[in-house]
Structures are given as structure tokens and as C-alpha cells.
Amino acid sequence: QVQLVESGGGLVPAGGSLRLSCAASGRPFRNYRVGWFRQAPGEERDIVAALSWSDGPTYYADSVKGRFFISGDSAANTVTLHMNNLKPEDTANYYCAARAGGGGLPPRTVSMYQFWGQGTQVIVSS
């Protein structure tokens, strides 16, 4: 199993940037496909971005394309979500998730991920 811990959330004004980090322990992260999801109050948990480590394909939700970037660091065993030009509608709890098996396209649905972090809160003020 892999254990996931998110960090980096906080309060930021609209137009600002944040960097969320997902640290893995227990197994090398490069053997997993990793996704970032977010969930606003009263809303479903939705995919934001995802990464297939072994061969590199990534996925971004339309709402974050051109603003968010996902990257992996094998040495640090972390996956980072770089968030730029943040908008109030980006306010949510952000979760890191992982699925064993590093190849192919990264999954986009909650049910496809086996391991989850506890989440980190992002608040974007207008």
C-alpha cells in the first residue's frame, strides 16, 4: 500500500498561485497513476489533473487547462499540482489519489483510485 499526505493549501486572492504537494510513503510513487481531485461543499468530487508516471501522459479538466500543471518528482516521491491564476470557483478541498500500475492513460473517476490522502483546503478570495 501507499500512504498519501497532501500539503500546501491555504487562502489566496484571486489571480494568485498555490502549489499543492502530495507525498507518498510506503511504495515508490512512480509505480502508480496519480490524480488530484477537488470537492466543494455540496458538490461531487471531480478530477482536476492526473499523471501516469511511467510514460508521462497527463490529463487536465477543461476548467483548469492553461492554469494548472501536474508534475512528479521520483527522488522526493511527490506529485505536485501547480495552480496559477486562481479563481474563486477553484475554492474546494483538494485530494491526492493513487492507483497501482503506472502505465496507460491516467484514470479520471473517483472509483478508479485505490488510495487517497486526507485533503487540503484551498480558498480563493474575490
N, C-alpha and C. Protein backbone atom coordinates (compact mmCIF):
# COMPACT_ATOMS: atom_id res chain seq x y z
N GLN A 1 0.83 -1.19 0.00
CA GLN A 1 0.00 0.00 0.00
C GLN A 1 0.87 1.24 0.00
N VAL A 2 0.27 2.34 -0.41
CA VAL A 2 0.94 3.63 -0.39
C VAL A 2 0.10 4.57 0.46
N GLN A 3 0.77 5.36 1.28
CA GLN A 3 0.08 6.37 2.09
C GLN A 3 0.35 7.74 1.48
N LEU A 4 -0.69 8.56 1.43
CA LEU A 4 -0.60 9.86 0.76
C LEU A 4 -0.89 10.98 1.74
N VAL A 5 -0.09 12.03 1.68
CA VAL A 5 -0.29 13.19 2.54
C VAL A 5 -0.18 14.45 1.69
N GLU A 6 -1.26 15.24 1.68
CA GLU A 6 -1.25 16.49 0.93
C GLU A 6 -0.81 17.65 1.81
N SER A 7 -0.25 18.65 1.18
CA SER A 7 0.10 19.89 1.87
C SER A 7 0.09 21.03 0.88
N GLY A 8 0.08 22.25 1.38
CA GLY A 8 0.22 23.42 0.53
C GLY A 8 -1.03 24.24 0.34
N GLY A 9 -2.17 23.80 0.89
CA GLY A 9 -3.39 24.57 0.74
C GLY A 9 -3.33 25.85 1.56
N GLY A 10 -4.34 26.70 1.34
CA GLY A 10 -4.40 27.93 2.09
C GLY A 10 -5.35 28.92 1.47
N LEU A 11 -5.27 30.16 1.96
CA LEU A 11 -6.10 31.26 1.47
C LEU A 11 -5.26 32.12 0.53
N VAL A 12 -5.81 32.40 -0.65
CA VAL A 12 -5.08 33.18 -1.65
C VAL A 12 -6.06 34.09 -2.38
N PRO A 13 -5.65 35.29 -2.76
CA PRO A 13 -6.55 36.15 -3.52
C PRO A 13 -6.68 35.68 -4.96
N ALA A 14 -7.77 36.05 -5.58
CA ALA A 14 -7.97 35.70 -6.99
C ALA A 14 -6.79 36.22 -7.81
N GLY A 15 -6.35 35.39 -8.76
CA GLY A 15 -5.19 35.72 -9.56
C GLY A 15 -3.88 35.21 -8.99
N GLY A 16 -3.92 34.74 -7.77
CA GLY A 16 -2.71 34.24 -7.13
C GLY A 16 -2.39 32.80 -7.49
N SER A 17 -1.37 32.27 -6.85
CA SER A 17 -0.88 30.92 -7.13
C SER A 17 -0.69 30.14 -5.84
N LEU A 18 -0.83 28.84 -5.95
CA LEU A 18 -0.53 27.91 -4.87
C LEU A 18 0.11 26.68 -5.47
N ARG A 19 0.87 25.99 -4.64
CA ARG A 19 1.46 24.73 -5.05
C ARG A 19 1.07 23.69 -4.03
N LEU A 20 0.32 22.68 -4.47
CA LEU A 20 -0.08 21.58 -3.60
C LEU A 20 0.87 20.41 -3.81
N SER A 21 1.28 19.81 -2.71
CA SER A 21 2.19 18.68 -2.79
C SER A 21 1.53 17.44 -2.21
N CYS A 22 1.77 16.32 -2.87
CA CYS A 22 1.29 15.02 -2.39
C CYS A 22 2.51 14.15 -2.17
N ALA A 23 2.76 13.81 -0.93
CA ALA A 23 3.90 12.99 -0.58
C ALA A 23 3.45 11.56 -0.34
N ALA A 24 4.19 10.62 -0.94
CA ALA A 24 3.86 9.20 -0.81
C ALA A 24 4.86 8.51 0.08
N SER A 25 4.36 7.60 0.89
CA SER A 25 5.24 6.76 1.69
C SER A 25 4.78 5.32 1.56
N GLY A 26 5.71 4.41 1.70
CA GLY A 26 5.37 3.01 1.63
C GLY A 26 5.73 2.34 0.32
N ARG A 27 5.61 3.06 -0.77
CA ARG A 27 5.95 2.49 -2.08
C ARG A 27 6.46 3.63 -2.98
N PRO A 28 7.28 3.28 -3.97
CA PRO A 28 7.70 4.32 -4.93
C PRO A 28 6.52 4.84 -5.72
N PHE A 29 6.39 6.14 -5.78
CA PHE A 29 5.26 6.77 -6.45
C PHE A 29 5.25 6.48 -7.95
N ARG A 30 6.41 6.20 -8.50
CA ARG A 30 6.50 6.03 -9.95
C ARG A 30 5.78 4.78 -10.42
N ASN A 31 5.38 3.91 -9.51
CA ASN A 31 4.64 2.70 -9.88
C ASN A 31 3.13 2.91 -9.86
N TYR A 32 2.71 4.18 -9.73
CA TYR A 32 1.30 4.49 -9.61
C TYR A 32 0.88 5.53 -10.63
N ARG A 33 -0.40 5.57 -10.94
CA ARG A 33 -1.00 6.71 -11.60
C ARG A 33 -1.61 7.59 -10.52
N VAL A 34 -1.42 8.87 -10.65
CA VAL A 34 -1.76 9.79 -9.56
C VAL A 34 -2.70 10.89 -10.07
N GLY A 35 -3.72 11.16 -9.30
CA GLY A 35 -4.66 12.21 -9.67
C GLY A 35 -4.89 13.19 -8.54
N TRP A 36 -5.22 14.41 -8.93
CA TRP A 36 -5.69 15.42 -7.99
C TRP A 36 -7.18 15.65 -8.27
N PHE A 37 -7.95 15.58 -7.20
CA PHE A 37 -9.38 15.82 -7.27
C PHE A 37 -9.71 17.01 -6.37
N ARG A 38 -10.90 17.56 -6.56
CA ARG A 38 -11.35 18.60 -5.65
C ARG A 38 -12.84 18.44 -5.39
N GLN A 39 -13.24 18.91 -4.22
CA GLN A 39 -14.63 18.81 -3.82
C GLN A 39 -15.03 20.06 -3.07
N ALA A 40 -15.96 20.80 -3.64
CA ALA A 40 -16.51 21.98 -2.97
C ALA A 40 -17.70 21.53 -2.12
N PRO A 41 -18.07 22.31 -1.11
CA PRO A 41 -19.22 21.95 -0.27
C PRO A 41 -20.47 21.71 -1.09
N GLY A 42 -21.12 20.57 -0.84
CA GLY A 42 -22.34 20.25 -1.55
C GLY A 42 -22.16 19.75 -2.96
N GLU A 43 -20.91 19.60 -3.37
CA GLU A 43 -20.62 19.17 -4.73
C GLU A 43 -19.97 17.79 -4.73
N GLU A 44 -19.94 17.18 -5.92
CA GLU A 44 -19.25 15.90 -6.07
C GLU A 44 -17.74 16.13 -6.16
N ARG A 45 -17.01 15.07 -5.91
CA ARG A 45 -15.55 15.13 -6.04
C ARG A 45 -15.20 14.92 -7.52
N ASP A 46 -14.49 15.85 -8.08
CA ASP A 46 -14.19 15.83 -9.51
C ASP A 46 -12.68 15.84 -9.77
N ILE A 47 -12.31 15.25 -10.88
CA ILE A 47 -10.89 15.24 -11.29
C ILE A 47 -10.44 16.64 -11.67
N VAL A 48 -9.24 16.97 -11.30
CA VAL A 48 -8.61 18.23 -11.69
C VAL A 48 -7.48 17.96 -12.67
N ALA A 49 -6.60 17.07 -12.29
CA ALA A 49 -5.45 16.72 -13.14
C ALA A 49 -4.95 15.35 -12.73
N ALA A 50 -4.29 14.67 -13.64
CA ALA A 50 -3.78 13.33 -13.35
C ALA A 50 -2.54 13.06 -14.17
N LEU A 51 -1.77 12.11 -13.66
CA LEU A 51 -0.46 11.82 -14.25
C LEU A 51 -0.24 10.31 -14.26
N SER A 52 0.21 9.79 -15.40
CA SER A 52 0.68 8.41 -15.47
C SER A 52 2.19 8.46 -15.47
N TRP A 53 2.77 8.01 -14.40
CA TRP A 53 4.18 8.28 -14.17
C TRP A 53 5.09 7.62 -15.19
N SER A 54 4.80 6.35 -15.52
CA SER A 54 5.80 5.59 -16.27
C SER A 54 6.00 6.11 -17.67
N ASP A 55 4.93 6.56 -18.33
CA ASP A 55 5.11 7.02 -19.71
C ASP A 55 4.59 8.42 -19.92
N GLY A 56 4.25 9.07 -18.87
CA GLY A 56 4.07 10.50 -18.89
C GLY A 56 2.78 11.13 -19.32
N PRO A 57 1.75 10.41 -19.81
CA PRO A 57 0.55 11.14 -20.22
C PRO A 57 -0.10 11.82 -19.03
N THR A 58 -0.67 12.97 -19.29
CA THR A 58 -1.36 13.74 -18.27
C THR A 58 -2.76 14.07 -18.73
N TYR A 59 -3.59 14.44 -17.76
CA TYR A 59 -4.95 14.86 -18.04
C TYR A 59 -5.25 16.10 -17.23
N TYR A 60 -5.98 17.04 -17.83
CA TYR A 60 -6.43 18.23 -17.13
C TYR A 60 -7.90 18.45 -17.43
N ALA A 61 -8.65 18.79 -16.39
CA ALA A 61 -10.03 19.20 -16.59
C ALA A 61 -10.06 20.49 -17.40
N ASP A 62 -11.09 20.66 -18.20
CA ASP A 62 -11.19 21.85 -19.04
C ASP A 62 -11.12 23.13 -18.21
N SER A 63 -11.66 23.08 -17.01
CA SER A 63 -11.73 24.29 -16.19
C SER A 63 -10.37 24.77 -15.69
N VAL A 64 -9.35 23.90 -15.77
CA VAL A 64 -8.04 24.29 -15.25
C VAL A 64 -6.95 24.30 -16.32
N LYS A 65 -7.29 23.90 -17.54
CA LYS A 65 -6.29 23.86 -18.61
C LYS A 65 -5.67 25.25 -18.80
N GLY A 66 -4.36 25.26 -18.91
CA GLY A 66 -3.64 26.51 -19.09
C GLY A 66 -3.34 27.23 -17.79
N ARG A 67 -3.92 26.79 -16.69
CA ARG A 67 -3.68 27.43 -15.39
C ARG A 67 -2.98 26.49 -14.41
N PHE A 68 -3.31 25.21 -14.45
CA PHE A 68 -2.75 24.23 -13.53
C PHE A 68 -1.77 23.33 -14.27
N PHE A 69 -0.78 22.83 -13.53
CA PHE A 69 0.21 21.92 -14.09
C PHE A 69 0.56 20.87 -13.06
N ILE A 70 0.57 19.59 -13.48
CA ILE A 70 0.89 18.49 -12.57
C ILE A 70 2.27 17.95 -12.91
N SER A 71 3.06 17.68 -11.88
CA SER A 71 4.41 17.16 -12.10
C SER A 71 4.76 16.16 -11.02
N GLY A 72 5.69 15.25 -11.36
CA GLY A 72 6.13 14.25 -10.41
C GLY A 72 7.62 14.34 -10.16
N ASP A 73 8.05 14.01 -8.97
CA ASP A 73 9.45 14.02 -8.58
C ASP A 73 9.77 12.66 -7.97
N SER A 74 10.47 11.82 -8.74
CA SER A 74 10.77 10.46 -8.27
C SER A 74 11.68 10.49 -7.04
N ALA A 75 12.66 11.36 -7.05
CA ALA A 75 13.60 11.41 -5.94
C ALA A 75 12.91 11.79 -4.63
N ALA A 76 11.99 12.72 -4.69
CA ALA A 76 11.28 13.16 -3.50
C ALA A 76 10.03 12.34 -3.23
N ASN A 77 9.65 11.49 -4.21
CA ASN A 77 8.44 10.67 -4.09
C ASN A 77 7.21 11.54 -3.85
N THR A 78 7.11 12.59 -4.66
CA THR A 78 5.99 13.52 -4.54
C THR A 78 5.38 13.83 -5.91
N VAL A 79 4.13 14.23 -5.87
CA VAL A 79 3.46 14.77 -7.05
C VAL A 79 2.93 16.14 -6.66
N THR A 80 3.18 17.13 -7.51
CA THR A 80 2.82 18.50 -7.20
C THR A 80 1.81 19.03 -8.19
N LEU A 81 0.83 19.75 -7.67
CA LEU A 81 -0.14 20.45 -8.51
C LEU A 81 0.17 21.94 -8.41
N HIS A 82 0.64 22.50 -9.51
CA HIS A 82 0.95 23.92 -9.57
C HIS A 82 -0.30 24.65 -10.06
N MET A 83 -0.80 25.56 -9.25
CA MET A 83 -2.05 26.25 -9.57
C MET A 83 -1.79 27.74 -9.73
N ASN A 84 -2.08 28.25 -10.92
CA ASN A 84 -1.85 29.65 -11.23
C ASN A 84 -3.15 30.34 -11.62
N ASN A 85 -3.15 31.65 -11.55
CA ASN A 85 -4.33 32.45 -11.92
C ASN A 85 -5.59 31.87 -11.27
N LEU A 86 -5.52 31.68 -9.98
CA LEU A 86 -6.62 31.05 -9.26
C LEU A 86 -7.86 31.92 -9.28
N LYS A 87 -9.01 31.24 -9.30
CA LYS A 87 -10.30 31.91 -9.35
C LYS A 87 -11.12 31.49 -8.13
N PRO A 88 -12.09 32.31 -7.74
CA PRO A 88 -12.93 31.91 -6.59
C PRO A 88 -13.58 30.55 -6.78
N GLU A 89 -13.89 30.18 -8.01
CA GLU A 89 -14.52 28.88 -8.26
C GLU A 89 -13.56 27.71 -8.08
N ASP A 90 -12.28 27.99 -7.87
CA ASP A 90 -11.32 26.93 -7.56
C ASP A 90 -11.35 26.57 -6.07
N THR A 91 -12.11 27.31 -5.28
CA THR A 91 -12.20 27.03 -3.85
C THR A 91 -12.79 25.64 -3.62
N ALA A 92 -12.08 24.81 -2.85
CA ALA A 92 -12.51 23.44 -2.61
C ALA A 92 -11.49 22.76 -1.70
N ASN A 93 -11.85 21.57 -1.25
CA ASN A 93 -10.85 20.67 -0.66
C ASN A 93 -10.22 19.88 -1.80
N TYR A 94 -8.91 19.81 -1.80
CA TYR A 94 -8.18 19.12 -2.85
C TYR A 94 -7.59 17.83 -2.29
N TYR A 95 -7.77 16.76 -3.06
CA TYR A 95 -7.35 15.44 -2.63
C TYR A 95 -6.40 14.83 -3.66
N CYS A 96 -5.39 14.16 -3.15
CA CYS A 96 -4.48 13.38 -3.96
C CYS A 96 -4.94 11.92 -3.92
N ALA A 97 -4.84 11.24 -5.06
CA ALA A 97 -5.26 9.84 -5.13
C ALA A 97 -4.28 9.07 -6.00
N ALA A 98 -4.20 7.77 -5.75
CA ALA A 98 -3.26 6.94 -6.50
C ALA A 98 -3.89 5.60 -6.84
N ARG A 99 -3.48 5.10 -8.00
CA ARG A 99 -3.90 3.78 -8.45
C ARG A 99 -2.66 3.02 -8.85
N ALA A 100 -2.54 1.79 -8.34
CA ALA A 100 -1.38 0.97 -8.65
C ALA A 100 -1.32 0.67 -10.14
N GLY A 101 -0.11 0.64 -10.68
CA GLY A 101 0.07 0.39 -12.10
C GLY A 101 0.34 1.69 -12.80
N GLY A 102 1.55 1.82 -13.33
CA GLY A 102 1.94 3.13 -13.82
C GLY A 102 1.69 3.39 -15.28
N GLY A 103 1.21 2.40 -16.06
CA GLY A 103 1.10 2.61 -17.48
C GLY A 103 -0.27 3.04 -17.94
N GLY A 104 -0.32 3.58 -19.17
CA GLY A 104 -1.58 3.94 -19.78
C GLY A 104 -2.08 5.30 -19.33
N LEU A 105 -3.23 5.65 -19.84
CA LEU A 105 -3.81 6.94 -19.51
C LEU A 105 -4.21 6.99 -18.04
N PRO A 106 -4.07 8.13 -17.40
CA PRO A 106 -4.47 8.21 -16.00
C PRO A 106 -5.99 8.19 -15.87
N PRO A 107 -6.52 7.47 -14.91
CA PRO A 107 -7.97 7.44 -14.72
C PRO A 107 -8.52 8.80 -14.34
N ARG A 108 -9.83 8.98 -14.61
CA ARG A 108 -10.45 10.29 -14.37
C ARG A 108 -11.58 10.24 -13.35
N THR A 109 -11.90 9.03 -12.87
CA THR A 109 -13.04 8.90 -11.97
C THR A 109 -12.59 8.48 -10.58
N VAL A 110 -13.37 8.90 -9.58
CA VAL A 110 -13.07 8.61 -8.19
C VAL A 110 -12.93 7.11 -7.96
N SER A 111 -13.83 6.33 -8.54
CA SER A 111 -13.88 4.89 -8.27
C SER A 111 -12.66 4.14 -8.78
N MET A 112 -11.88 4.74 -9.67
CA MET A 112 -10.72 4.06 -10.25
C MET A 112 -9.48 4.19 -9.37
N TYR A 113 -9.53 5.00 -8.34
CA TYR A 113 -8.37 5.21 -7.49
C TYR A 113 -8.52 4.45 -6.18
N GLN A 114 -7.42 3.85 -5.75
CA GLN A 114 -7.45 2.95 -4.60
C GLN A 114 -7.03 3.64 -3.30
N PHE A 115 -6.18 4.61 -3.41
CA PHE A 115 -5.58 5.22 -2.23
C PHE A 115 -5.83 6.73 -2.27
N TRP A 116 -6.14 7.29 -1.10
CA TRP A 116 -6.49 8.71 -1.00
C TRP A 116 -5.78 9.37 0.16
N GLY A 117 -5.46 10.64 -0.02
CA GLY A 117 -4.98 11.44 1.08
C GLY A 117 -6.16 12.05 1.84
N GLN A 118 -5.83 12.80 2.87
CA GLN A 118 -6.88 13.36 3.73
C GLN A 118 -7.41 14.68 3.21
N GLY A 119 -6.73 15.27 2.25
CA GLY A 119 -7.20 16.51 1.64
C GLY A 119 -6.55 17.74 2.22
N THR A 120 -6.53 18.79 1.43
CA THR A 120 -6.03 20.09 1.87
C THR A 120 -6.96 21.16 1.29
N GLN A 121 -7.25 22.17 2.10
CA GLN A 121 -8.25 23.16 1.72
C GLN A 121 -7.62 24.33 0.96
N VAL A 122 -8.28 24.72 -0.11
CA VAL A 122 -7.87 25.89 -0.88
C VAL A 122 -9.05 26.86 -0.91
N ILE A 123 -8.79 28.09 -0.50
CA ILE A 123 -9.81 29.14 -0.53
C ILE A 123 -9.27 30.30 -1.35
N VAL A 124 -10.01 30.66 -2.39
CA VAL A 124 -9.61 31.77 -3.25
C VAL A 124 -10.61 32.91 -3.04
N SER A 125 -10.10 34.01 -2.54
CA SER A 125 -10.97 35.15 -2.25
C SER A 125 -11.10 36.05 -3.48
N SER A 126 -12.29 36.64 -3.62
CA SER A 126 -12.54 37.50 -4.78
C SER A 126 -12.15 38.94 -4.49
